[in-house]
């Protein structure tokens, strides 16, 4: 299923085990984003065992788009960050929610996190950079269904934590030239 929405003001993003501080290598944080009206696109599937998702946050539709197996992008460079976990949960958030993730660092599996059912590698963040500025982010990961999440609960979490407005189901395929 594909969804599309808008993040009206994007300045700060965190994708991390909530217990990690800023210096942990398998954590992503960017508080240097240039923020008005970023597009968000979410691709989410349920394979029976895991709920897998990828979300694109982009300044405009020409920066990157979903294609059949992944996404295409226009950028000078792509920086990949692997996201790990030691507390079997993950937090994703922008702006105020990112600040909340920082505040609850010493709380075991806080309410701003989703449990994953496992430690280790959660997924990755890929950052597209053009002229030294981030033009898009791809955040991908998965949740074990035994935890009790379904597609709608993950969509609701991401919508709230990323401050996505006007989120609608949008299963149309689109493409750009690379």
C-alpha atoms as a PDB file:
ATOM      1  CA  UNK A   1       0.000   0.000   0.000  1.00  0.00           C
ATOM      2  CA  UNK A   2       1.211   3.486  -0.795  1.00  0.00           C
ATOM      3  CA  UNK A   3       0.362   6.688   1.008  1.00  0.00           C
ATOM      4  CA  UNK A   4       1.216  10.314   0.298  1.00  0.00           C
ATOM      5  CA  UNK A   5       1.191  13.327   2.584  1.00  0.00           C
ATOM      6  CA  UNK A   6       2.947  16.548   3.497  1.00  0.00           C
ATOM      7  CA  UNK A   7       5.315  17.600   6.253  1.00  0.00           C
ATOM      8  CA  UNK A   8       4.782  21.339   6.519  1.00  0.00           C
ATOM      9  CA  UNK A   9       7.941  22.094   8.466  1.00  0.00           C
ATOM     10  CA  UNK A  10      10.903  19.701   8.554  1.00  0.00           C
ATOM     11  CA  UNK A  11      13.952  20.787  10.540  1.00  0.00           C
ATOM     12  CA  UNK A  12      15.004  17.785  12.648  1.00  0.00           C
ATOM     13  CA  UNK A  13      14.776  13.993  12.117  1.00  0.00           C
ATOM     14  CA  UNK A  14      15.794  11.089  14.368  1.00  0.00           C
ATOM     15  CA  UNK A  15      15.689   7.366  13.533  1.00  0.00           C
ATOM     16  CA  UNK A  16      17.151   5.427  16.436  1.00  0.00           C
ATOM     17  CA  UNK A  17      16.860   2.981  19.255  1.00  0.00           C
ATOM     18  CA  UNK A  18      15.547   5.513  21.807  1.00  0.00           C
ATOM     19  CA  UNK A  19      18.275   4.549  24.314  1.00  0.00           C
ATOM     20  CA  UNK A  20      21.082   5.687  21.981  1.00  0.00           C
ATOM     21  CA  UNK A  21      22.661   9.084  22.351  1.00  0.00           C
ATOM     22  CA  UNK A  22      23.845  11.302  19.522  1.00  0.00           C
ATOM     23  CA  UNK A  23      27.275   9.669  19.209  1.00  0.00           C
ATOM     24  CA  UNK A  24      26.119   6.091  18.488  1.00  0.00           C
ATOM     25  CA  UNK A  25      27.073   5.044  14.961  1.00  0.00           C
ATOM     26  CA  UNK A  26      23.926   3.030  14.123  1.00  0.00           C
ATOM     27  CA  UNK A  27      21.619   5.993  14.819  1.00  0.00           C
ATOM     28  CA  UNK A  28      20.481   8.699  12.386  1.00  0.00           C
ATOM     29  CA  UNK A  29      19.927  12.306  13.360  1.00  0.00           C
ATOM     30  CA  UNK A  30      19.830  15.377  11.176  1.00  0.00           C
ATOM     31  CA  UNK A  31      18.921  18.770  12.621  1.00  0.00           C
ATOM     32  CA  UNK A  32      20.092  20.794   9.608  1.00  0.00           C
ATOM     33  CA  UNK A  33      17.130  20.289   7.282  1.00  0.00           C
ATOM     34  CA  UNK A  34      15.628  23.153   5.318  1.00  0.00           C
ATOM     35  CA  UNK A  35      12.085  22.657   6.081  1.00  0.00           C
ATOM     36  CA  UNK A  36       8.941  23.873   4.421  1.00  0.00           C
ATOM     37  CA  UNK A  37       6.499  21.582   2.609  1.00  0.00           C
ATOM     38  CA  UNK A  38       8.354  18.288   2.278  1.00  0.00           C
ATOM     39  CA  UNK A  39       6.448  15.497   0.534  1.00  0.00           C
ATOM     40  CA  UNK A  40       6.163  12.161   2.313  1.00  0.00           C
ATOM     41  CA  UNK A  41       5.458   8.896   0.516  1.00  0.00           C
ATOM     42  CA  UNK A  42       5.053   5.643   2.381  1.00  0.00           C
ATOM     43  CA  UNK A  43       5.208   2.156   0.870  1.00  0.00           C
ATOM     44  CA  UNK A  44       4.119  -0.493   3.405  1.00  0.00           C
ATOM     45  CA  UNK A  45       3.538  -4.241   3.060  1.00  0.00           C
ATOM     46  CA  UNK A  46       2.558  -7.188   5.233  1.00  0.00           C
ATOM     47  CA  UNK A  47       4.189 -10.495   4.228  1.00  0.00           C
ATOM     48  CA  UNK A  48       2.482 -12.454   7.017  1.00  0.00           C
ATOM     49  CA  UNK A  49       5.531 -12.453   9.287  1.00  0.00           C
ATOM     50  CA  UNK A  50       6.803  -8.864   9.071  1.00  0.00           C
ATOM     51  CA  UNK A  51       5.433  -5.444   8.276  1.00  0.00           C
ATOM     52  CA  UNK A  52       7.992  -3.781   6.009  1.00  0.00           C
ATOM     53  CA  UNK A  53       7.954  -0.097   5.174  1.00  0.00           C
ATOM     54  CA  UNK A  54       9.904   2.509   3.304  1.00  0.00           C
ATOM     55  CA  UNK A  55       9.140   6.182   3.543  1.00  0.00           C
ATOM     56  CA  UNK A  56      10.508   8.865   1.242  1.00  0.00           C
ATOM     57  CA  UNK A  57      10.754  12.394   2.576  1.00  0.00           C
ATOM     58  CA  UNK A  58      11.590  14.770  -0.240  1.00  0.00           C
ATOM     59  CA  UNK A  59      11.619  18.431  -1.107  1.00  0.00           C
ATOM     60  CA  UNK A  60       9.875  17.788  -4.434  1.00  0.00           C
ATOM     61  CA  UNK A  61       8.783  14.934  -6.687  1.00  0.00           C
ATOM     62  CA  UNK A  62      11.833  15.332  -8.946  1.00  0.00           C
ATOM     63  CA  UNK A  63      14.217  14.378  -6.118  1.00  0.00           C
ATOM     64  CA  UNK A  64      13.113  10.733  -5.837  1.00  0.00           C
ATOM     65  CA  UNK A  65      10.188   8.401  -6.538  1.00  0.00           C
ATOM     66  CA  UNK A  66       9.192   4.867  -5.762  1.00  0.00           C
ATOM     67  CA  UNK A  67       9.617   2.353  -8.570  1.00  0.00           C
ATOM     68  CA  UNK A  68       8.756  -1.360  -8.631  1.00  0.00           C
ATOM     69  CA  UNK A  69      11.749  -2.510  -6.549  1.00  0.00           C
ATOM     70  CA  UNK A  70      12.901   0.473  -4.503  1.00  0.00           C
ATOM     71  CA  UNK A  71      13.210   4.068  -5.619  1.00  0.00           C
ATOM     72  CA  UNK A  72      14.969   6.245  -8.182  1.00  0.00           C
ATOM     73  CA  UNK A  73      16.600   9.490  -7.270  1.00  0.00           C
ATOM     74  CA  UNK A  74      18.428  12.537  -8.507  1.00  0.00           C
ATOM     75  CA  UNK A  75      21.219  13.639  -6.186  1.00  0.00           C
ATOM     76  CA  UNK A  76      24.941  14.315  -6.247  1.00  0.00           C
ATOM     77  CA  UNK A  77      25.464  11.660  -3.588  1.00  0.00           C
ATOM     78  CA  UNK A  78      23.738   9.072  -1.465  1.00  0.00           C
ATOM     79  CA  UNK A  79      24.817   8.461   2.136  1.00  0.00           C
ATOM     80  CA  UNK A  80      23.647   5.218   3.730  1.00  0.00           C
ATOM     81  CA  UNK A  81      23.185   4.850   7.488  1.00  0.00           C
ATOM     82  CA  UNK A  82      22.392   1.459   9.057  1.00  0.00           C
ATOM     83  CA  UNK A  83      20.063   1.619  12.046  1.00  0.00           C
ATOM     84  CA  UNK A  84      20.597  -0.790  14.929  1.00  0.00           C
ATOM     85  CA  UNK A  85      18.836  -1.610  18.190  1.00  0.00           C
ATOM     86  CA  UNK A  86      19.770  -2.943  21.619  1.00  0.00           C
ATOM     87  CA  UNK A  87      16.378  -2.533  23.325  1.00  0.00           C
ATOM     88  CA  UNK A  88      14.123  -4.249  20.732  1.00  0.00           C
ATOM     89  CA  UNK A  89      12.439  -0.978  19.809  1.00  0.00           C
ATOM     90  CA  UNK A  90      12.840   1.910  17.418  1.00  0.00           C
ATOM     91  CA  UNK A  91      11.872   5.581  17.507  1.00  0.00           C
ATOM     92  CA  UNK A  92      11.289   7.719  14.449  1.00  0.00           C
ATOM     93  CA  UNK A  93      10.374  11.367  14.750  1.00  0.00           C
ATOM     94  CA  UNK A  94      10.636  14.888  13.420  1.00  0.00           C
ATOM     95  CA  UNK A  95      10.840  18.244  15.159  1.00  0.00           C
ATOM     96  CA  UNK A  96       8.941  18.074  18.501  1.00  0.00           C
ATOM     97  CA  UNK A  97       8.783  14.269  18.357  1.00  0.00           C
ATOM     98  CA  UNK A  98      12.559  14.145  17.735  1.00  0.00           C
ATOM     99  CA  UNK A  99      13.047  16.289  20.832  1.00  0.00           C
ATOM    100  CA  UNK A 100      10.796  13.920  22.801  1.00  0.00           C
ATOM    101  CA  UNK A 101      12.912  10.938  21.676  1.00  0.00           C
ATOM    102  CA  UNK A 102      15.978  12.687  23.100  1.00  0.00           C
ATOM    103  CA  UNK A 103      14.194  13.378  26.426  1.00  0.00           C
ATOM    104  CA  UNK A 104      13.128   9.737  27.016  1.00  0.00           C
ATOM    105  CA  UNK A 105      16.542   8.182  26.431  1.00  0.00           C
ATOM    106  CA  UNK A 106      16.676   6.593  29.896  1.00  0.00           C
ATOM    107  CA  UNK A 107      13.154   5.071  29.723  1.00  0.00           C
ATOM    108  CA  UNK A 108      12.879   1.407  28.670  1.00  0.00           C
ATOM    109  CA  UNK A 109      10.770   1.109  25.493  1.00  0.00           C
ATOM    110  CA  UNK A 110       9.100   4.543  25.806  1.00  0.00           C
ATOM    111  CA  UNK A 111       5.748   5.417  24.246  1.00  0.00           C
ATOM    112  CA  UNK A 112       7.516   7.258  21.385  1.00  0.00           C
ATOM    113  CA  UNK A 113       8.963   3.915  20.233  1.00  0.00           C
ATOM    114  CA  UNK A 114       7.590   0.861  18.473  1.00  0.00           C
ATOM    115  CA  UNK A 115       8.758  -2.536  19.689  1.00  0.00           C
ATOM    116  CA  UNK A 116      10.402  -4.634  16.997  1.00  0.00           C
ATOM    117  CA  UNK A 117      10.566  -8.061  18.661  1.00  0.00           C
ATOM    118  CA  UNK A 118      14.320  -8.323  18.131  1.00  0.00           C
ATOM    119  CA  UNK A 119      17.658  -6.565  18.618  1.00  0.00           C
ATOM    120  CA  UNK A 120      20.195  -6.021  15.880  1.00  0.00           C
ATOM    121  CA  UNK A 121      19.613  -4.310  12.552  1.00  0.00           C
ATOM    122  CA  UNK A 122      16.306  -2.466  12.127  1.00  0.00           C
ATOM    123  CA  UNK A 123      16.823  -1.032   8.662  1.00  0.00           C
ATOM    124  CA  UNK A 124      18.493   1.967   7.087  1.00  0.00           C
ATOM    125  CA  UNK A 125      18.282   5.633   6.271  1.00  0.00           C
ATOM    126  CA  UNK A 126      19.548   6.844   2.920  1.00  0.00           C
ATOM    127  CA  UNK A 127      20.210  10.525   2.579  1.00  0.00           C
ATOM    128  CA  UNK A 128      20.275  12.180  -0.859  1.00  0.00           C
ATOM    129  CA  UNK A 129      22.559  15.194  -1.008  1.00  0.00           C
ATOM    130  CA  UNK A 130      22.812  17.838  -3.735  1.00  0.00           C
ATOM    131  CA  UNK A 131      25.034  20.915  -3.470  1.00  0.00           C
ATOM    132  CA  UNK A 132      25.816  19.964   0.132  1.00  0.00           C
ATOM    133  CA  UNK A 133      22.157  19.942   1.228  1.00  0.00           C
ATOM    134  CA  UNK A 134      19.855  17.042   2.029  1.00  0.00           C
ATOM    135  CA  UNK A 135      17.188  16.823  -0.678  1.00  0.00           C
ATOM    136  CA  UNK A 136      15.560  13.563   0.374  1.00  0.00           C
ATOM    137  CA  UNK A 137      15.571  10.812   2.992  1.00  0.00           C
ATOM    138  CA  UNK A 138      14.575   7.197   2.586  1.00  0.00           C
ATOM    139  CA  UNK A 139      13.770   5.446   5.874  1.00  0.00           C
ATOM    140  CA  UNK A 140      13.236   1.679   5.659  1.00  0.00           C
ATOM    141  CA  UNK A 141      12.635  -0.956   8.298  1.00  0.00           C
ATOM    142  CA  UNK A 142      10.430  -3.805   9.482  1.00  0.00           C
ATOM    143  CA  UNK A 143       8.410  -4.952  12.481  1.00  0.00           C
ATOM    144  CA  UNK A 144       7.721  -8.522  13.581  1.00  0.00           C
ATOM    145  CA  UNK A 145       3.948  -9.104  13.401  1.00  0.00           C
ATOM    146  CA  UNK A 146       4.060 -11.227  16.573  1.00  0.00           C
ATOM    147  CA  UNK A 147       4.356  -7.935  18.470  1.00  0.00           C
ATOM    148  CA  UNK A 148       0.781  -7.160  17.431  1.00  0.00           C
ATOM    149  CA  UNK A 149       1.192  -4.347  14.910  1.00  0.00           C
ATOM    150  CA  UNK A 150      -0.716  -4.212  11.658  1.00  0.00           C
ATOM    151  CA  UNK A 151      -0.310  -1.915   8.670  1.00  0.00           C
ATOM    152  CA  UNK A 152      -2.698   0.697  10.043  1.00  0.00           C
ATOM    153  CA  UNK A 153      -0.960   0.918  13.429  1.00  0.00           C
ATOM    154  CA  UNK A 154       2.430   1.483  11.748  1.00  0.00           C
ATOM    155  CA  UNK A 155       0.905   4.068   9.385  1.00  0.00           C
ATOM    156  CA  UNK A 156      -0.686   5.851  12.375  1.00  0.00           C
ATOM    157  CA  UNK A 157       2.647   5.862  14.250  1.00  0.00           C
ATOM    158  CA  UNK A 158       4.578   7.269  11.273  1.00  0.00           C
ATOM    159  CA  UNK A 159       1.888   9.870  10.537  1.00  0.00           C
ATOM    160  CA  UNK A 160       2.014  11.144  14.135  1.00  0.00           C
ATOM    161  CA  UNK A 161       5.776  10.896  14.705  1.00  0.00           C
ATOM    162  CA  UNK A 162       6.733  12.469  11.375  1.00  0.00           C
ATOM    163  CA  UNK A 163       4.061  15.208  11.597  1.00  0.00           C
ATOM    164  CA  UNK A 164       2.520  14.167   8.284  1.00  0.00           C
ATOM    165  CA  UNK A 165      -0.620  16.051   7.307  1.00  0.00           C
ATOM    166  CA  UNK A 166      -3.115  15.283   4.555  1.00  0.00           C
ATOM    167  CA  UNK A 167      -2.042  11.606   4.389  1.00  0.00           C
ATOM    168  CA  UNK A 168      -4.012   9.725   1.718  1.00  0.00           C
ATOM    169  CA  UNK A 169      -3.847   6.303   0.116  1.00  0.00           C
ATOM    170  CA  UNK A 170      -2.073   6.743  -3.228  1.00  0.00           C
ATOM    171  CA  UNK A 171      -1.212   3.501  -5.036  1.00  0.00           C
ATOM    172  CA  UNK A 172      -0.284   5.156  -8.325  1.00  0.00           C
ATOM    173  CA  UNK A 173       3.125   4.271  -9.796  1.00  0.00           C
ATOM    174  CA  UNK A 174       5.285   7.176 -10.890  1.00  0.00           C
ATOM    175  CA  UNK A 175       8.744   7.406 -12.335  1.00  0.00           C
ATOM    176  CA  UNK A 176      11.463   9.950 -13.133  1.00  0.00           C
ATOM    177  CA  UNK A 177      14.472   9.757 -15.378  1.00  0.00           C
ATOM    178  CA  UNK A 178      17.725   9.213 -13.547  1.00  0.00           C
END
